[in-house]
Protein backbone atom coordinates (compact mmCIF):
# COMPACT_ATOMS: atom_id res chain seq x y z
CA MET A 1 104.72 65.99 128.93
CA SER A 2 107.26 66.74 131.51
CA VAL A 3 107.69 69.61 132.96
CA GLN A 4 108.36 73.32 130.80
CA THR A 5 109.27 76.46 131.69
CA TYR A 6 108.66 78.93 129.28
CA GLU A 7 109.70 82.78 128.99
CA VAL A 8 107.13 85.30 128.47
CA ALA A 9 107.33 86.98 124.94
CA GLU A 10 107.37 90.86 124.56
CA ASP A 11 104.26 90.21 122.79
CA GLU A 12 102.89 88.79 125.59
CA ASP A 13 103.63 91.23 128.36
CA GLY A 14 100.57 92.15 130.08
CA LEU A 15 98.42 89.51 128.94
CA ARG A 16 96.45 87.30 131.53
CA LEU A 17 97.81 84.26 132.43
CA ASP A 18 94.70 82.11 131.17
CA ARG A 19 95.01 83.84 128.01
CA TRP A 20 98.47 83.07 127.99
CA PHE A 21 97.66 79.66 128.18
CA LYS A 22 95.10 79.74 125.27
CA ARG A 23 97.66 81.07 123.07
CA ARG A 24 100.48 78.90 124.40
CA ILE A 25 98.63 75.39 124.59
CA PRO A 26 94.91 75.77 122.86
CA ALA A 27 94.10 72.17 123.75
CA LEU A 28 94.39 72.65 127.52
CA SER A 29 90.77 72.98 128.87
CA LEU A 30 89.76 75.51 131.07
CA SER A 31 88.82 73.67 133.77
CA HIS A 32 92.13 71.30 133.79
CA LEU A 33 94.21 74.80 133.75
CA ASN A 34 91.82 76.05 136.81
CA LYS A 35 92.86 72.93 138.26
CA ILE A 36 96.57 73.23 138.06
CA VAL A 37 96.78 76.88 139.33
CA ARG A 38 94.79 76.58 142.23
CA THR A 39 96.84 73.55 143.70
CA GLY A 40 99.99 75.51 142.76
CA GLN A 41 101.57 73.58 140.01
CA VAL A 42 101.75 76.78 137.77
CA ARG A 43 104.17 79.04 138.82
CA VAL A 44 105.66 82.26 137.68
CA ASP A 45 109.16 83.08 138.50
CA GLY A 46 108.93 80.58 141.37
CA ALA A 47 105.42 82.10 142.98
CA ARG A 48 101.97 81.21 143.01
CA VAL A 49 99.37 82.67 140.61
CA LYS A 50 96.04 82.94 140.17
CA THR A 51 94.43 82.51 136.32
CA ALA A 52 93.77 86.49 136.51
CA THR A 53 97.54 87.06 137.15
CA ARG A 54 98.88 89.43 134.44
CA LEU A 55 102.02 88.33 133.56
CA ALA A 56 105.46 90.69 132.15
CA GLN A 57 107.85 90.30 129.46
CA GLY A 58 111.25 88.03 130.67
CA GLN A 59 108.96 86.23 133.70
CA ASN A 60 109.37 82.35 133.59
CA VAL A 61 105.82 80.26 133.60
CA ARG A 62 106.36 76.51 135.06
CA VAL A 63 104.19 74.16 133.51
CA PRO A 64 103.35 70.92 134.76
CA PRO A 65 102.83 67.43 133.01
CA LEU A 66 99.13 68.05 131.22
CA ASN A 67 96.24 65.96 130.31
CA LEU A 68 95.57 67.50 126.73
CA GLU A 69 92.31 67.31 124.96
CA ALA A 70 92.28 66.54 121.48
CA ALA A 71 92.54 69.98 119.81
CA PRO A 72 89.73 70.52 117.57
CA GLU A 73 90.73 70.53 113.61
CA ALA A 74 91.66 74.35 112.63
CA PRO A 75 89.79 75.60 109.73
CA VAL A 76 91.88 75.82 106.56
CA PHE A 77 92.94 79.66 106.35
CA ARG A 78 94.66 80.67 103.27
CA ILE A 79 96.15 83.84 102.89
CA SER A 80 95.22 86.35 100.48
CA GLU A 81 97.79 87.14 97.82
CA GLU A 82 95.90 90.05 96.43
CA ASP A 83 95.67 91.50 99.92
CA GLN A 84 99.29 90.61 100.42
CA ARG A 85 100.24 92.71 97.56
CA ASP A 86 98.18 95.54 97.78
CA LEU A 87 99.13 95.99 101.34
CA ARG A 88 102.75 96.06 100.90
CA GLN A 89 102.01 98.93 97.68
CA MET A 90 100.58 100.70 100.62
CA ILE A 91 103.71 100.85 102.89
CA LEU A 92 105.21 104.28 103.58
CA PHE A 93 107.46 103.22 106.10
CA GLU A 94 108.39 99.88 107.57
CA ASP A 95 110.55 98.42 110.98
CA LYS A 96 110.09 94.82 112.85
CA ASP A 97 107.85 96.77 115.03
CA LEU A 98 105.24 98.89 112.97
CA MET A 99 103.98 99.95 109.59
CA VAL A 100 102.74 103.00 108.09
CA LEU A 101 100.34 102.68 105.15
CA ASN A 102 99.20 105.19 102.83
CA LYS A 103 95.22 104.21 103.04
CA PRO A 104 93.49 104.96 99.17
CA TYR A 105 90.37 106.76 99.21
CA GLY A 106 87.35 104.67 99.31
CA LEU A 107 88.70 101.60 101.21
CA ALA A 108 87.64 101.02 104.58
CA VAL A 109 89.75 100.73 107.50
CA GLN A 110 86.94 98.34 109.68
CA GLY A 111 84.36 96.42 108.42
CA GLY A 112 80.59 96.94 108.69
CA SER A 113 77.43 96.11 107.26
CA GLY A 114 77.91 95.01 103.61
CA MET A 115 81.68 95.70 103.85
CA ARG A 116 83.34 93.03 102.18
CA ARG A 117 87.08 94.50 102.02
CA HIS A 118 88.83 96.62 104.40
CA ILE A 119 92.29 97.31 105.81
CA ASP A 120 91.69 95.35 109.03
CA GLY A 121 90.78 91.96 107.35
CA MET A 122 93.32 92.73 104.80
CA LEU A 123 96.03 92.55 108.25
CA ALA A 124 95.29 88.79 108.22
CA SER A 125 97.61 88.34 104.56
CA LEU A 126 100.60 89.40 106.90
CA PRO A 127 100.77 87.11 110.08
CA ASN A 128 103.97 87.01 111.85
CA GLU A 129 106.17 83.45 112.74
CA ARG A 130 103.69 82.75 115.43
CA GLY A 131 100.61 83.41 113.10
CA ASP A 132 99.44 86.75 114.83
CA ARG A 133 98.31 89.57 112.45
CA PRO A 134 99.39 93.36 112.60
CA VAL A 135 97.00 95.33 114.50
CA LEU A 136 95.35 98.63 113.83
CA VAL A 137 96.44 101.43 116.12
CA HIS A 138 94.16 104.34 115.45
CA ARG A 139 91.49 105.11 112.34
CA LEU A 140 90.69 106.87 109.19
CA ASP A 141 87.42 107.50 107.46
CA ARG A 142 86.49 105.45 104.57
CA ASP A 143 86.93 108.38 102.26
CA THR A 144 89.83 109.82 104.26
CA SER A 145 93.22 109.43 102.11
CA GLY A 146 96.52 108.88 104.02
CA VAL A 147 98.73 107.60 106.69
CA LEU A 148 97.44 105.00 108.57
CA LEU A 149 99.66 103.36 111.59
CA ILE A 150 99.77 99.56 111.98
CA ALA A 151 101.24 97.52 114.96
CA LYS A 152 103.16 94.10 114.36
CA THR A 153 102.14 93.09 117.92
CA ARG A 154 99.95 93.71 120.73
CA LYS A 155 102.55 95.12 122.64
CA MET A 156 103.42 97.52 120.38
CA ALA A 157 99.52 98.53 119.49
CA ALA A 158 99.59 99.27 123.18
CA ASP A 159 102.44 101.17 123.62
CA LEU A 160 101.18 103.28 120.12
CA GLY A 161 97.89 103.72 121.67
CA GLU A 162 99.39 105.10 124.75
CA ILE A 163 101.46 107.86 122.85
CA PHE A 164 98.15 108.31 121.21
CA ARG A 165 96.23 108.92 124.03
CA SER A 166 98.31 110.94 125.80
CA ARG A 167 98.41 113.31 123.04
CA GLN A 168 102.39 113.05 122.00
CA ALA A 169 101.30 112.03 118.21
CA GLN A 170 101.51 115.39 115.92
CA LYS A 171 98.85 114.57 113.22
CA ILE A 172 98.47 116.82 109.85
CA TYR A 173 95.56 117.01 107.74
CA TRP A 174 95.46 118.61 103.88
CA ALA A 175 92.20 119.91 102.77
CA LEU A 176 90.38 121.53 100.13
CA VAL A 177 87.63 123.38 101.19
CA GLU A 178 84.92 125.68 99.65
CA GLY A 179 85.43 129.23 99.54
CA VAL A 180 88.36 131.29 101.67
CA PRO A 181 88.35 130.90 105.59
CA LYS A 182 88.32 134.52 107.38
CA PRO A 183 90.66 134.75 109.42
CA ALA A 184 93.73 132.71 107.17
CA GLN A 185 94.56 131.03 110.36
CA GLY A 186 92.79 129.89 113.30
CA LYS A 187 91.80 127.76 116.59
CA ILE A 188 88.08 125.77 115.95
CA SER A 189 86.77 124.86 119.33
CA LEU A 190 83.39 123.28 119.37
CA PHE A 191 81.58 120.75 121.68
CA LEU A 192 80.14 117.92 118.94
CA ALA A 193 78.16 114.92 119.62
CA LYS A 194 76.16 112.44 117.88
CA GLY A 195 73.74 113.34 115.53
CA GLU A 196 70.53 111.10 114.74
CA GLY A 197 70.96 108.12 113.41
CA MET A 198 74.51 107.39 115.07
CA ASP A 199 73.25 106.02 117.98
CA ALA A 200 72.82 102.29 118.38
CA ARG A 201 69.63 103.38 120.90
CA GLY A 202 67.73 104.90 118.41
CA PRO A 203 65.08 103.09 116.02
CA ARG A 204 66.13 100.39 113.59
CA ARG A 205 66.59 102.04 110.11
CA SER A 206 67.92 100.36 106.87
CA ASP A 207 71.88 100.85 106.04
CA GLU A 208 71.07 103.42 103.42
CA GLU A 209 69.13 105.42 105.54
CA ARG A 210 71.75 105.10 108.23
CA ALA A 211 74.72 106.05 106.09
CA SER A 212 72.74 109.31 105.10
CA MET A 213 72.22 110.32 108.56
CA GLU A 214 74.90 109.82 110.48
CA LYS A 215 77.11 112.81 111.85
CA MET A 216 78.29 114.99 114.23
CA ARG A 217 76.46 118.14 115.24
CA VAL A 218 77.51 121.09 116.90
CA ALA A 219 76.13 120.78 120.35
CA LYS A 220 76.28 122.74 123.64
CA HIS A 221 78.69 122.08 127.05
CA GLY A 222 76.55 120.10 129.03
CA ASP A 223 74.77 118.60 126.21
CA GLU A 224 74.11 114.93 126.28
CA ASP A 225 77.53 113.41 124.77
CA ALA A 226 78.90 116.42 124.06
CA GLN A 227 82.44 116.16 123.84
CA HIS A 228 85.13 119.14 123.68
CA SER A 229 87.08 119.15 120.06
CA VAL A 230 90.32 121.40 119.25
CA THR A 231 91.67 122.15 115.79
CA TYR A 232 93.98 124.62 114.44
CA TYR A 233 93.65 125.22 110.57
CA ALA A 234 96.27 127.48 108.80
CA THR A 235 95.55 128.47 104.55
CA VAL A 236 98.37 127.21 103.13
CA ASP A 237 97.05 128.65 99.22
CA THR A 238 93.61 130.25 97.76
CA PHE A 239 91.64 130.13 94.37
CA SER A 240 89.84 132.94 95.86
CA PRO A 241 87.09 133.08 95.94
CA ARG A 242 86.25 129.58 95.75
CA ALA A 243 88.87 127.31 96.86
CA ALA A 244 91.14 127.08 99.50
CA TRP A 245 94.02 125.04 100.61
CA LEU A 246 93.62 124.16 104.41
CA SER A 247 96.50 122.52 106.49
CA MET A 248 94.83 121.20 109.68
CA LYS A 249 95.87 119.98 113.25
CA PRO A 250 93.57 118.10 115.23
CA ILE A 251 94.45 118.23 119.09
CA THR A 252 91.25 116.10 120.07
CA GLY A 253 90.42 113.15 118.22
CA ARG A 254 86.62 113.07 117.98
CA THR A 255 84.59 111.28 115.18
CA HIS A 256 84.07 113.41 111.61
CA GLN A 257 86.26 116.32 114.00
CA LEU A 258 88.01 117.86 110.78
CA ARG A 259 84.94 117.35 108.21
CA ALA A 260 82.48 118.81 111.20
CA HIS A 261 84.86 121.84 112.18
CA ALA A 262 85.18 122.60 108.51
CA GLU A 263 81.36 122.81 107.46
CA ALA A 264 80.68 124.63 111.04
CA ILE A 265 83.32 127.71 109.89
CA GLY A 266 81.06 127.61 106.56
CA HIS A 267 83.60 126.09 104.65
CA PRO A 268 82.90 122.34 104.06
CA ILE A 269 85.61 119.93 102.70
CA ILE A 270 84.78 119.69 99.04
CA GLY A 271 83.24 116.52 98.04
CA ASP A 272 82.15 115.43 101.31
CA PRO A 273 78.70 113.93 101.13
CA LYS A 274 77.62 113.89 104.48
CA TYR A 275 79.06 117.72 105.74
CA GLY A 276 79.32 119.46 102.49
CA LEU A 277 76.04 119.46 101.51
CA ARG A 278 73.71 122.86 102.17
CA PRO A 279 70.45 123.13 103.04
CA LYS A 280 68.22 124.79 100.39
CA THR A 281 67.50 127.54 103.07
CA ASP A 282 71.40 128.51 103.04
CA PRO A 283 71.83 131.51 100.62
CA ARG A 284 75.80 129.90 99.86
CA ARG A 285 74.02 126.62 98.36
CA ASN A 286 73.66 128.52 95.01
CA ASP A 287 76.73 131.24 95.18
CA PRO A 288 78.49 131.50 91.96
CA LEU A 289 81.45 132.60 93.28
CA ARG A 290 81.93 129.80 95.53
CA ALA A 291 80.86 127.26 92.74
CA ILE A 292 83.79 124.47 92.23
CA PRO A 293 84.78 123.96 88.70
CA GLU A 294 83.36 120.81 87.15
CA THR A 295 86.56 119.14 86.57
CA ILE A 296 86.89 118.53 90.15
CA GLU A 297 85.85 115.14 91.30
CA ARG A 298 83.24 115.05 93.73
CA LYS A 299 85.59 112.99 96.17
CA LEU A 300 86.39 114.02 99.88
CA HIS A 301 88.99 116.40 99.74
CA LEU A 302 90.65 115.08 102.87
CA LEU A 303 94.34 113.47 103.27
CA ALA A 304 95.82 112.41 106.60
CA ARG A 305 98.74 114.28 105.43
CA ARG A 306 101.68 113.24 108.13
CA LEU A 307 102.48 112.00 111.40
CA VAL A 308 104.80 112.27 113.65
CA LEU A 309 105.36 110.66 116.93
CA PRO A 310 107.52 109.18 119.62
CA HIS A 311 108.93 105.79 118.25
CA PRO A 312 108.29 103.33 121.64
CA ARG A 313 112.11 101.54 120.87
CA GLY A 314 113.33 105.42 120.90
CA GLY A 315 114.04 108.10 118.22
CA VAL A 316 111.03 109.98 116.47
CA LEU A 317 108.60 108.54 113.67
CA ASP A 318 107.62 111.08 110.91
CA VAL A 319 105.87 109.59 107.87
CA THR A 320 104.31 111.61 105.07
CA ALA A 321 101.82 110.69 102.64
CA PRO A 322 101.74 111.87 99.17
CA LEU A 323 98.23 113.41 97.49
CA PRO A 324 95.86 110.69 96.26
CA PRO A 325 94.93 110.75 92.71
CA HIS A 326 91.88 113.19 92.81
CA MET A 327 93.48 115.63 95.32
CA ALA A 328 96.64 115.88 92.90
CA ASN A 329 94.22 116.66 90.23
CA SER A 330 92.63 119.44 91.68
CA PHE A 331 95.63 121.02 93.56
CA GLU A 332 96.95 120.85 89.41
CA THR A 333 93.51 122.50 88.68
CA PHE A 334 93.97 125.41 91.05
CA GLY A 335 97.22 125.52 90.68
CA PHE A 336 98.33 124.60 94.12
CA ASP A 337 102.57 123.60 94.84
CA VAL A 338 102.68 120.88 97.35
CA LYS A 339 106.48 121.93 98.02
CA GLN A 340 104.97 125.32 99.49
CA TYR A 341 105.52 125.71 103.22
CA ASP A 342 103.26 124.80 105.52
CA PRO A 343 102.05 127.19 107.97
CA ILE A 344 100.29 124.65 110.49
CA GLU A 345 103.97 123.25 111.40
CA GLY A 346 104.03 126.19 113.36
CA ALA A 347 100.89 126.13 115.54
CA PRO A 348 100.60 124.83 119.10
CA GLU A 349 100.86 121.41 119.94
């Protein structure tokens, strides 16, 4: 093998040199890489570097003749046509850098104990020409439906992640809740912390026990693990006094934030298996005026309705998800019109 010069690609921007070699020349041993770097045989734009040096898009990497080990036989990987088809049917928007999915109710975003199928695993069925798979940018709970953003390269995932961290992304959720909140519009500002069963340091429990216990709790400022959380909400329409359609804009992004906030103001989201179960001592538990019609499915009525953010390539990404079937049925039962004006759009950013 003669001296080669490689240009650092866009999706390799920020990679450490050793990880760049792992991607480009996987058969090169780490010991041999350390030797050619230490002796100055590897150069980046003509300069000596270290294995921990981070590369930038457009730089040129000089690679000397190499003694390559026999590459281990790669495992045979078969792309799932079923996963590919299902993901394609979920796409709300797509360009060369990203895609926005309409995640259905009940499909997990990431795997866990006993989780056989999830979005993260399904994305392996959509590799690019270099074999790199798309990357999750954010998460939704398993039973939350709606807008889910996916990056097609690691670089784009990093850029979008920074937009989320800097709170430039505007997220609007729709929820159907028990009862009618008063006031009709407001701000929920609470400290949330992990409840019993959510801390990995706690006692070992079965998956079923853990699932029944994992929920966030309202905490006090200064409590261990307490994090401030803020949500703006506005009542769009009501089926008084039994239910209300809320539009919610989370400013922070805590675990189960909207579900915990809805419960905290006394109006849990309909169908919520964790935050909608009232204790027997709660007088609202058997309130006939708050009873939900039996025709309403007992599924979580929470939709990631809209996502608006600056596109890293320029312009604005603005995507809206339709109601999932169970929420569409409930809207029809309650007589709600999806074309109705959403007052949350005027809430603070």
